[in-house]
């Protein structure tokens, strides 16, 4: 889609949300070739609300991620094999679904899988998996099949299907848009985040949302504004499982960087009810505490207030992260984006209660 445009079109009434823009621009043909139907959202609101989104067919849906670009020199698995796997999942036979979901996850994994599977003789490669993501995402009935499995009582199937979905959504705009627009699918995913589900299912559902929330601004809004999501943010940030907390915080951090999604998080008091406990915990993984701090700083805007009184040591960590981003090195095992840390740092500098602390930790010399 053209620069400044969106795969969702004009989604929100201007009276409800602040103006915002989607990330990036693109050119090239839609992924998946002729088997992939193409859609564009033109009006309405997100799934789960009274008014459903209206979608129309279009021939000019481009891409903003490298995975969406189709290469005529195919390294992907044979199309008949891919469609066969999707057909097995659609049939819904328990053991067969588990096997097919594991094969699909293998075929679309962006990194080298731990275990090698024999799927139609295809040998894993990052480039081939990229093509498989685009091809599988265009198979008719795929999202319906996933939704039926999520609605079943098969918790193993829940986890395995979410594992495949999370990888299908990795840097693939087309698949993410289709997940978000499919009636009932986002609602079903959010229900899997409830504490009544096994931890493995919760982890996999958060992985889906994490990959969906790391790109398109409108997707962040859809997720953050969906009914029940604020409760899932809070409960997951307070979860006893480290990965569940980390994934929830990461989704919040990505969403908080978008002006249109931020009001939903602020209104739900997510910095106070969900992130503060993570920031203040001396047993939490440092990278997760940093993400929680960046997200909270994103949401404090330019208000004259300090939310870091409960975790003043995190100011030094923000400076360390900024130094790392400036030098393009890793900190806590992560390569941080310089743009992603400068806005939170600016917001923190507004509060008088933060200024002396920022000077003391070397912020002035850094700038």
Protein backbone atom coordinates (compact mmCIF):
# COMPACT_ATOMS: atom_id res chain seq x y z
CA UNK A 1 0.00 0.00 0.00
CA UNK A 2 1.13 3.51 -0.75
CA UNK A 3 3.19 5.65 1.60
CA UNK A 4 1.07 7.00 4.42
CA UNK A 5 -1.79 4.59 3.70
CA UNK A 6 -2.88 1.55 5.69
CA UNK A 7 -3.98 -2.01 5.01
CA UNK A 8 -6.94 -1.21 7.22
CA UNK A 9 -8.01 1.98 5.46
CA UNK A 10 -9.92 4.56 7.50
CA UNK A 11 -10.73 2.49 10.57
CA UNK A 12 -11.47 4.95 13.31
CA UNK A 13 -13.70 8.02 13.59
CA UNK A 14 -11.49 11.07 14.01
CA UNK A 15 -13.46 12.07 17.09
CA UNK A 16 -12.38 8.91 18.93
CA UNK A 17 -8.65 8.71 18.41
CA UNK A 18 -5.72 11.05 17.78
CA UNK A 19 -4.23 11.21 14.31
CA UNK A 20 -1.55 8.68 13.56
CA UNK A 21 0.26 7.09 10.67
CA UNK A 22 1.11 3.53 9.77
CA UNK A 23 4.65 2.31 9.69
CA UNK A 24 6.57 2.32 6.46
CA UNK A 25 5.63 2.00 2.84
CA UNK A 26 6.02 -0.68 0.26
CA UNK A 27 5.80 -1.85 -3.26
CA UNK A 28 5.53 -5.17 -4.95
CA UNK A 29 2.86 -7.79 -5.48
CA UNK A 30 0.75 -9.34 -2.72
CA UNK A 31 2.09 -12.53 -1.18
CA UNK A 32 0.86 -16.01 -1.96
CA UNK A 33 0.27 -15.63 -5.70
CA UNK A 34 -3.14 -16.37 -7.17
CA UNK A 35 -4.31 -18.48 -4.21
CA UNK A 36 -4.21 -15.48 -1.89
CA UNK A 37 -7.36 -13.32 -1.76
CA UNK A 38 -6.62 -9.68 -1.09
CA UNK A 39 -8.59 -7.45 1.26
CA UNK A 40 -8.62 -3.92 2.57
CA UNK A 41 -10.51 -2.58 5.57
CA UNK A 42 -12.48 0.50 4.62
CA UNK A 43 -14.63 1.34 7.62
CA UNK A 44 -15.97 0.21 10.95
CA UNK A 45 -14.38 -0.89 14.19
CA UNK A 46 -12.44 -3.87 15.46
CA UNK A 47 -13.70 -7.42 16.10
CA UNK A 48 -15.41 -7.88 19.42
CA UNK A 49 -17.35 -4.62 19.34
CA UNK A 50 -20.89 -3.89 18.20
CA UNK A 51 -19.83 -2.77 14.73
CA UNK A 52 -17.76 -5.17 12.67
CA UNK A 53 -15.18 -4.04 10.14
CA UNK A 54 -16.16 -3.88 6.48
CA UNK A 55 -13.71 -5.44 4.05
CA UNK A 56 -13.53 -5.11 0.30
CA UNK A 57 -11.44 -6.90 -2.29
CA UNK A 58 -8.55 -4.93 -3.68
CA UNK A 59 -5.67 -5.53 -6.05
CA UNK A 60 -3.24 -3.02 -4.59
CA UNK A 61 -2.48 -4.36 -1.13
CA UNK A 62 1.30 -4.13 -0.97
CA UNK A 63 3.58 -4.97 1.94
CA UNK A 64 5.72 -3.31 4.57
CA UNK A 65 7.77 -6.32 5.55
CA UNK A 66 10.40 -8.24 3.64
CA UNK A 67 8.48 -11.49 4.11
CA UNK A 68 5.63 -10.23 1.96
CA UNK A 69 7.70 -9.97 -1.21
CA UNK A 70 7.19 -12.92 -3.57
CA UNK A 71 10.23 -14.36 -5.30
CA UNK A 72 9.72 -16.21 -8.59
CA UNK A 73 12.68 -18.46 -7.74
CA UNK A 74 10.89 -20.54 -5.12
CA UNK A 75 12.73 -22.02 -2.15
CA UNK A 76 9.52 -22.91 -0.37
CA UNK A 77 7.83 -26.25 0.07
CA UNK A 78 5.65 -27.65 -2.73
CA UNK A 79 2.25 -25.94 -2.75
CA UNK A 80 0.39 -29.26 -2.79
CA UNK A 81 2.18 -30.30 0.41
CA UNK A 82 1.26 -26.99 2.09
CA UNK A 83 -2.38 -27.30 1.06
CA UNK A 84 -2.42 -30.92 2.24
CA UNK A 85 -1.29 -29.87 5.72
CA UNK A 86 -3.97 -27.17 5.83
CA UNK A 87 -6.55 -29.77 4.75
CA UNK A 88 -5.56 -32.11 7.60
CA UNK A 89 -5.95 -29.27 10.10
CA UNK A 90 -9.37 -28.49 8.59
CA UNK A 91 -10.48 -32.12 9.05
CA UNK A 92 -10.06 -31.73 12.81
CA UNK A 93 -8.93 -35.28 13.70
CA UNK A 94 -7.10 -34.81 17.01
CA UNK A 95 -3.77 -36.62 16.53
CA UNK A 96 -3.58 -35.64 12.88
CA UNK A 97 -4.18 -31.97 13.76
CA UNK A 98 -1.30 -32.05 16.26
CA UNK A 99 1.05 -33.57 13.69
CA UNK A 100 0.01 -31.17 10.92
CA UNK A 101 0.31 -28.12 13.22
CA UNK A 102 3.84 -29.19 14.20
CA UNK A 103 4.73 -29.58 10.52
CA UNK A 104 3.28 -26.18 9.69
CA UNK A 105 5.26 -24.54 12.49
CA UNK A 106 8.40 -26.19 11.14
CA UNK A 107 7.69 -24.99 7.60
CA UNK A 108 7.22 -21.33 8.59
CA UNK A 109 9.78 -20.98 11.39
CA UNK A 110 11.99 -17.93 10.87
CA UNK A 111 14.91 -19.53 12.72
CA UNK A 112 16.47 -22.97 12.48
CA UNK A 113 14.11 -25.42 14.24
CA UNK A 114 15.63 -27.61 16.96
CA UNK A 115 14.24 -30.79 15.41
CA UNK A 116 14.33 -31.52 11.69
CA UNK A 117 11.10 -32.88 10.22
CA UNK A 118 10.56 -34.63 6.91
CA UNK A 119 7.77 -32.64 5.29
CA UNK A 120 7.52 -33.47 1.62
CA UNK A 121 11.30 -33.68 1.42
CA UNK A 122 11.64 -29.94 2.07
CA UNK A 123 14.83 -28.80 3.79
CA UNK A 124 14.53 -25.83 6.11
CA UNK A 125 15.97 -22.47 5.07
CA UNK A 126 15.07 -18.98 6.23
CA UNK A 127 14.25 -17.91 2.68
CA UNK A 128 12.10 -20.98 2.08
CA UNK A 129 10.24 -20.49 5.37
CA UNK A 130 9.55 -16.90 4.35
CA UNK A 131 7.89 -18.09 1.16
CA UNK A 132 5.95 -20.75 3.06
CA UNK A 133 4.51 -18.10 5.39
CA UNK A 134 3.08 -16.19 2.46
CA UNK A 135 1.77 -19.27 0.66
CA UNK A 136 0.10 -20.89 3.68
CA UNK A 137 -1.50 -17.61 4.76
CA UNK A 138 -3.42 -17.53 1.48
CA UNK A 139 -4.93 -21.02 1.71
CA UNK A 140 -8.72 -20.80 1.76
CA UNK A 141 -10.31 -21.73 5.09
CA UNK A 142 -7.09 -21.67 7.13
CA UNK A 143 -8.24 -19.15 9.72
CA UNK A 144 -11.61 -20.87 10.08
CA UNK A 145 -9.77 -24.11 10.85
CA UNK A 146 -7.62 -22.42 13.49
CA UNK A 147 -10.67 -20.85 15.10
CA UNK A 148 -12.49 -24.19 15.33
CA UNK A 149 -9.51 -25.76 17.09
CA UNK A 150 -9.20 -22.86 19.53
CA UNK A 151 -12.90 -23.23 20.34
CA UNK A 152 -12.42 -26.95 21.06
CA UNK A 153 -11.46 -28.51 24.41
CA UNK A 154 -8.09 -29.64 23.03
CA UNK A 155 -5.50 -27.66 25.05
CA UNK A 156 -2.62 -29.37 23.23
CA UNK A 157 -4.19 -28.30 19.94
CA UNK A 158 -4.59 -24.75 21.30
CA UNK A 159 -0.87 -24.49 22.00
CA UNK A 160 0.21 -26.08 18.72
CA UNK A 161 -2.09 -23.99 16.55
CA UNK A 162 -0.98 -20.81 18.33
CA UNK A 163 2.64 -21.86 17.76
CA UNK A 164 1.97 -22.03 14.03
CA UNK A 165 0.01 -18.77 14.03
CA UNK A 166 2.75 -16.87 15.84
CA UNK A 167 5.25 -17.86 13.18
CA UNK A 168 2.82 -17.16 10.35
CA UNK A 169 2.54 -13.61 11.70
CA UNK A 170 6.30 -13.02 11.88
CA UNK A 171 7.02 -10.03 9.65
CA UNK A 172 4.13 -10.90 7.38
CA UNK A 173 1.63 -8.06 7.11
CA UNK A 174 -0.80 -10.04 4.98
CA UNK A 175 -1.18 -12.82 7.54
CA UNK A 176 -1.46 -10.41 10.47
CA UNK A 177 -4.20 -8.44 8.73
CA UNK A 178 -6.09 -11.65 8.00
CA UNK A 179 -5.86 -12.75 11.63
CA UNK A 180 -7.18 -9.42 12.84
CA UNK A 181 -10.05 -9.26 10.36
CA UNK A 182 -11.24 -12.84 10.76
CA UNK A 183 -14.47 -12.71 12.83
CA UNK A 184 -13.98 -14.07 16.32
CA UNK A 185 -10.32 -15.05 16.00
CA UNK A 186 -8.84 -12.24 18.10
CA UNK A 187 -11.53 -12.73 20.75
CA UNK A 188 -10.67 -16.44 20.91
CA UNK A 189 -6.94 -15.69 21.22
CA UNK A 190 -7.53 -13.25 24.07
CA UNK A 191 -9.62 -15.85 25.89
CA UNK A 192 -6.62 -18.21 25.74
CA UNK A 193 -4.69 -15.68 27.86
CA UNK A 194 -6.96 -16.34 30.84
CA UNK A 195 -5.34 -17.97 33.87
CA UNK A 196 -7.71 -20.93 33.60
CA UNK A 197 -5.75 -22.14 30.55
CA UNK A 198 -2.46 -24.06 30.87
CA UNK A 199 0.67 -21.90 31.01
CA UNK A 200 1.91 -23.34 27.71
CA UNK A 201 -1.28 -22.19 25.98
CA UNK A 202 -0.99 -18.71 27.52
CA UNK A 203 2.63 -18.43 26.34
CA UNK A 204 1.79 -19.41 22.78
CA UNK A 205 -1.20 -17.04 22.61
CA UNK A 206 1.00 -14.17 23.81
CA UNK A 207 3.55 -15.07 21.13
CA UNK A 208 0.87 -14.64 18.48
CA UNK A 209 -0.11 -11.21 19.82
CA UNK A 210 3.54 -10.22 20.22
CA UNK A 211 4.29 -10.82 16.53
CA UNK A 212 1.03 -9.17 15.48
CA UNK A 213 1.66 -6.11 17.65
CA UNK A 214 5.21 -5.40 16.53
CA UNK A 215 4.33 -3.74 13.23
CA UNK A 216 1.13 -2.07 12.04
CA UNK A 217 -0.21 0.76 14.19
CA UNK A 218 -3.85 -0.15 13.59
CA UNK A 219 -3.25 -3.69 14.83
CA UNK A 220 -1.90 -2.30 18.09
CA UNK A 221 -5.09 -0.26 18.47
CA UNK A 222 -7.32 -3.25 17.71
CA UNK A 223 -5.56 -5.40 20.30
CA UNK A 224 -5.37 -2.78 23.06
CA UNK A 225 -8.98 -1.65 22.64
CA UNK A 226 -10.47 -5.14 22.48
CA UNK A 227 -12.87 -6.03 25.27
CA UNK A 228 -11.13 -7.90 28.09
CA UNK A 229 -7.59 -7.07 26.96
CA UNK A 230 -6.82 -4.72 29.86
CA UNK A 231 -7.61 -7.50 32.35
CA UNK A 232 -5.29 -9.86 30.48
CA UNK A 233 -2.49 -7.28 30.55
CA UNK A 234 -2.79 -6.95 34.31
CA UNK A 235 -3.13 -10.64 35.13
CA UNK A 236 -0.28 -11.62 32.80
CA UNK A 237 2.10 -8.97 34.13
CA UNK A 238 1.43 -10.42 37.60
CA UNK A 239 1.73 -14.04 36.41
CA UNK A 240 4.10 -16.43 38.15
CA UNK A 241 5.52 -17.45 34.77
CA UNK A 242 8.47 -15.37 33.54
CA UNK A 243 7.74 -15.74 29.82
CA UNK A 244 4.08 -14.80 30.21
CA UNK A 245 5.16 -11.60 32.01
CA UNK A 246 7.82 -10.86 29.41
CA UNK A 247 5.49 -11.33 26.45
CA UNK A 248 2.74 -9.22 28.01
CA UNK A 249 5.19 -6.41 28.79
CA UNK A 250 6.61 -6.56 25.26
CA UNK A 251 3.15 -6.21 23.71
CA UNK A 252 2.44 -3.22 25.96
CA UNK A 253 5.80 -1.65 25.04
CA UNK A 254 5.15 -2.02 21.30
CA UNK A 255 1.62 -0.66 21.65
CA UNK A 256 2.65 2.27 23.84
CA UNK A 257 4.86 3.62 21.05
CA UNK A 258 1.75 4.31 18.94
CA UNK A 259 -0.26 7.46 19.71
CA UNK A 260 -3.57 5.86 18.72
CA UNK A 261 -3.14 2.85 21.02
CA UNK A 262 -1.74 4.76 23.98
CA UNK A 263 -5.07 6.24 25.23
CA UNK A 264 -6.51 2.78 25.81
CA UNK A 265 -3.53 1.79 27.94
CA UNK A 266 -3.53 5.04 29.89
CA UNK A 267 -7.28 4.90 30.52
CA UNK A 268 -6.90 1.37 31.88
CA UNK A 269 -4.06 2.61 34.14
CA UNK A 270 -1.74 -0.07 32.78
CA UNK A 271 1.45 1.67 34.05
CA UNK A 272 0.10 1.59 37.61
CA UNK A 273 -1.85 -1.68 37.61
CA UNK A 274 0.42 -3.85 35.46
CA UNK A 275 3.86 -2.36 34.82
CA UNK A 276 4.79 -0.89 38.19
CA UNK A 277 5.10 -4.31 39.84
CA UNK A 278 7.39 -5.49 37.04
CA UNK A 279 9.59 -2.37 37.19
CA UNK A 280 9.95 -2.56 40.95
CA UNK A 281 10.72 -6.27 41.21
CA UNK A 282 14.36 -7.04 42.03
CA UNK A 283 13.81 -10.65 40.97
CA UNK A 284 12.41 -9.86 37.52
CA UNK A 285 14.58 -10.31 34.43
CA UNK A 286 16.33 -6.97 33.82
CA UNK A 287 15.36 -6.80 30.13
CA UNK A 288 11.69 -7.17 31.10
CA UNK A 289 12.04 -4.41 33.72
CA UNK A 290 13.60 -2.16 31.07
CA UNK A 291 10.73 -2.83 28.65
CA UNK A 292 8.23 -2.03 31.40
CA UNK A 293 10.07 1.21 32.14
CA UNK A 294 10.18 2.26 28.48
CA UNK A 295 6.47 1.50 28.09
CA UNK A 296 5.58 3.48 31.21
CA UNK A 297 7.69 6.41 30.02
CA UNK A 298 5.96 6.29 26.64
CA UNK A 299 2.62 6.65 28.39
CA UNK A 300 3.52 9.46 30.78
CA UNK A 301 3.51 11.90 27.87
CA UNK A 302 4.71 15.37 28.77
CA UNK A 303 3.03 15.47 32.15
CA UNK A 304 4.89 16.86 35.11
CA UNK A 305 4.98 13.64 37.10
CA UNK A 306 7.36 10.86 38.02
CA UNK A 307 6.25 7.25 38.08
CA UNK A 308 9.82 6.09 38.76
CA UNK A 309 9.85 6.93 42.46
CA UNK A 310 9.26 3.23 43.14
CA UNK A 311 12.14 2.16 40.85
CA UNK A 312 14.70 5.02 40.61
CA UNK A 313 17.45 2.60 39.59
CA UNK A 314 15.69 2.13 36.26
CA UNK A 315 16.74 5.64 35.18
CA UNK A 316 20.34 4.43 35.00
CA UNK A 317 19.22 1.40 33.00
CA UNK A 318 17.48 3.64 30.45
CA UNK A 319 20.73 5.59 30.01
CA UNK A 320 22.65 2.32 29.61
CA UNK A 321 20.15 1.14 27.00
CA UNK A 322 20.49 4.44 25.14
CA UNK A 323 24.27 4.14 25.11
CA UNK A 324 23.96 0.61 23.78
CA UNK A 325 21.54 1.68 21.06
CA UNK A 326 23.82 4.56 20.09
CA UNK A 327 26.75 2.18 19.72
CA UNK A 328 24.61 -0.49 18.02
CA UNK A 329 25.66 -3.03 20.64
CA UNK A 330 23.63 -5.43 22.75
CA UNK A 331 22.47 -4.75 26.29
CA UNK A 332 20.85 -7.56 28.28
CA UNK A 333 21.19 -9.66 25.15
CA UNK A 334 19.06 -7.28 23.07
CA UNK A 335 19.87 -4.78 20.31
CA UNK A 336 17.69 -1.83 21.27
CA UNK A 337 16.34 0.74 18.82
CA UNK A 338 17.72 4.25 19.38
CA UNK A 339 14.45 5.80 18.22
CA UNK A 340 12.58 3.50 20.57
CA UNK A 341 14.44 4.75 23.65
CA UNK A 342 14.77 8.47 22.89
CA UNK A 343 11.06 9.29 23.22
CA UNK A 344 10.78 7.65 26.66
CA UNK A 345 13.95 9.46 27.72
CA UNK A 346 12.48 12.77 26.59
CA UNK A 347 9.26 12.10 28.49
CA UNK A 348 11.20 11.26 31.64
CA UNK A 349 13.14 14.53 31.45
CA UNK A 350 9.94 16.60 31.72
CA UNK A 351 9.37 15.81 35.39
CA UNK A 352 11.45 17.91 37.80
CA UNK A 353 11.66 14.92 40.13
CA UNK A 354 13.50 13.00 37.42
CA UNK A 355 15.90 15.71 36.22
CA UNK A 356 18.52 15.54 38.97
CA UNK A 357 18.52 11.75 38.83
CA UNK A 358 18.96 11.80 35.04
CA UNK A 359 21.92 14.22 35.40
CA UNK A 360 23.46 12.07 38.14
CA UNK A 361 23.39 8.94 35.93
CA UNK A 362 25.15 10.73 33.05
CA UNK A 363 22.25 11.67 30.81
CA UNK A 364 23.62 15.14 29.92
CA UNK A 365 26.98 13.85 28.73
CA UNK A 366 25.18 11.10 26.79
CA UNK A 367 23.02 13.65 24.98
